[in-house]
Amino acid sequence: MDKSGANLAALEALNAERSTPIKVRQNKYLNNVVEQDHRAIKRVIKPMMGFKDFRCARIILSGIETMHMIRKGQMKDAGVTRSPADQFYLLVT
């Protein structure tokens, strides 16, 4: 969690209601990791004019994120190593 005061207040309110409190792990630069990971998505979306509706946005963004995961090697198939092209082909068929 970043150092946002709103997040901390929300967690304190949740912890007041719970018997087991949620431990807060704050990192000043945590958002930088998220922003860096989504830089590729932002680069692809920037030239687009926008999305007509939420359904279209969800479909396009999930496709972009899936391709990003394949390229980064984050999609594993029961320990079998496949090329990015083979992984994409398995998703399409």
Protein backbone atom coordinates (compact mmCIF):
# COMPACT_ATOMS: atom_id res chain seq x y z
CA MET A 1 0.00 0.00 0.00
CA ASP A 2 1.26 3.47 -0.73
CA LYS A 3 1.34 6.22 1.90
CA SER A 4 -2.12 7.58 1.11
CA GLY A 5 -3.97 8.78 4.19
CA ALA A 6 -7.32 7.60 2.83
CA ASN A 7 -6.06 4.03 2.51
CA LEU A 8 -4.73 4.05 6.06
CA ALA A 9 -8.01 5.42 7.44
CA ALA A 10 -10.00 2.75 5.57
CA LEU A 11 -7.79 -0.03 6.94
CA GLU A 12 -8.09 1.30 10.47
CA ALA A 13 -11.88 1.27 10.10
CA LEU A 14 -11.78 -2.32 8.81
CA ASN A 15 -9.43 -3.41 11.59
CA ALA A 16 -11.80 -2.02 14.21
CA GLU A 17 -14.46 -4.51 13.04
CA ARG A 18 -12.18 -7.55 12.66
CA SER A 19 -10.89 -9.91 15.32
CA THR A 20 -7.68 -10.47 13.32
CA PRO A 21 -6.31 -7.12 12.12
CA ILE A 22 -4.91 -6.58 8.65
CA LYS A 23 -1.20 -5.74 8.80
CA VAL A 24 -0.28 -2.61 6.88
CA ARG A 25 2.81 -2.71 4.71
CA GLN A 26 3.57 0.75 3.39
CA ASN A 27 6.08 1.52 0.71
CA LYS A 28 6.52 5.03 -0.61
CA TYR A 29 7.45 3.83 -4.09
CA LEU A 30 4.96 0.95 -4.44
CA ASN A 31 2.97 2.82 -7.08
CA ASN A 32 6.10 3.14 -9.21
CA VAL A 33 6.19 -0.66 -9.62
CA VAL A 34 2.56 -0.71 -10.74
CA GLU A 35 3.05 2.22 -13.10
CA GLN A 36 6.15 0.64 -14.60
CA ASP A 37 4.30 -2.63 -15.20
CA HIS A 38 1.42 -0.84 -16.93
CA ARG A 39 3.66 1.40 -19.04
CA ALA A 40 3.35 -0.99 -22.00
CA ILE A 41 -0.44 -0.88 -21.80
CA LYS A 42 -0.43 2.91 -21.65
CA ARG A 43 1.86 3.04 -24.68
CA VAL A 44 -0.55 0.91 -26.74
CA ILE A 45 -3.69 2.76 -25.61
CA LYS A 46 -2.32 6.29 -26.08
CA PRO A 47 -2.80 6.42 -29.89
CA MET A 48 -6.40 5.14 -29.56
CA MET A 49 -9.25 7.63 -29.58
CA GLY A 50 -10.89 6.05 -26.56
CA PHE A 51 -13.35 3.31 -25.79
CA LYS A 52 -17.02 3.46 -26.69
CA ASP A 53 -18.18 1.44 -23.69
CA PHE A 54 -16.87 -0.44 -20.68
CA ARG A 55 -17.30 -3.88 -22.28
CA CYS A 56 -15.10 -2.92 -25.23
CA ALA A 57 -12.47 -1.44 -22.90
CA ARG A 58 -12.43 -4.61 -20.78
CA ILE A 59 -11.97 -6.87 -23.82
CA ILE A 60 -9.18 -4.80 -25.38
CA LEU A 61 -7.32 -4.26 -22.11
CA SER A 62 -7.50 -7.93 -21.16
CA GLY A 63 -6.05 -8.86 -24.56
CA ILE A 64 -3.22 -6.36 -24.19
CA GLU A 65 -2.51 -7.59 -20.65
CA THR A 66 -2.54 -11.24 -21.80
CA MET A 67 0.00 -10.51 -24.54
CA HIS A 68 2.12 -8.60 -22.02
CA MET A 69 2.06 -11.59 -19.65
CA ILE A 70 3.05 -13.98 -22.46
CA ARG A 71 5.95 -11.73 -23.45
CA LYS A 72 7.16 -11.50 -19.83
CA GLY A 73 6.98 -15.29 -19.43
CA GLN A 74 4.31 -15.22 -16.74
CA MET A 75 2.01 -17.81 -18.32
CA LYS A 76 3.06 -21.30 -17.30
CA ASP A 77 1.44 -24.48 -18.62
CA ALA A 78 2.04 -27.22 -16.00
CA GLY A 79 5.81 -26.79 -16.19
CA VAL A 80 5.90 -27.12 -20.00
CA THR A 81 8.04 -24.44 -21.64
CA ARG A 82 6.46 -23.04 -24.79
CA SER A 83 7.42 -20.22 -27.09
CA PRO A 84 5.29 -17.05 -26.95
CA ALA A 85 3.87 -17.89 -30.38
CA ASP A 86 2.83 -21.37 -29.21
CA GLN A 87 1.21 -19.93 -26.07
CA PHE A 88 -0.75 -17.44 -28.14
CA TYR A 89 -1.82 -20.14 -30.59
CA LEU A 90 -3.09 -22.31 -27.73
CA LEU A 91 -5.16 -19.40 -26.43
CA VAL A 92 -6.67 -18.68 -29.83
CA THR A 93 -7.63 -22.26 -30.70
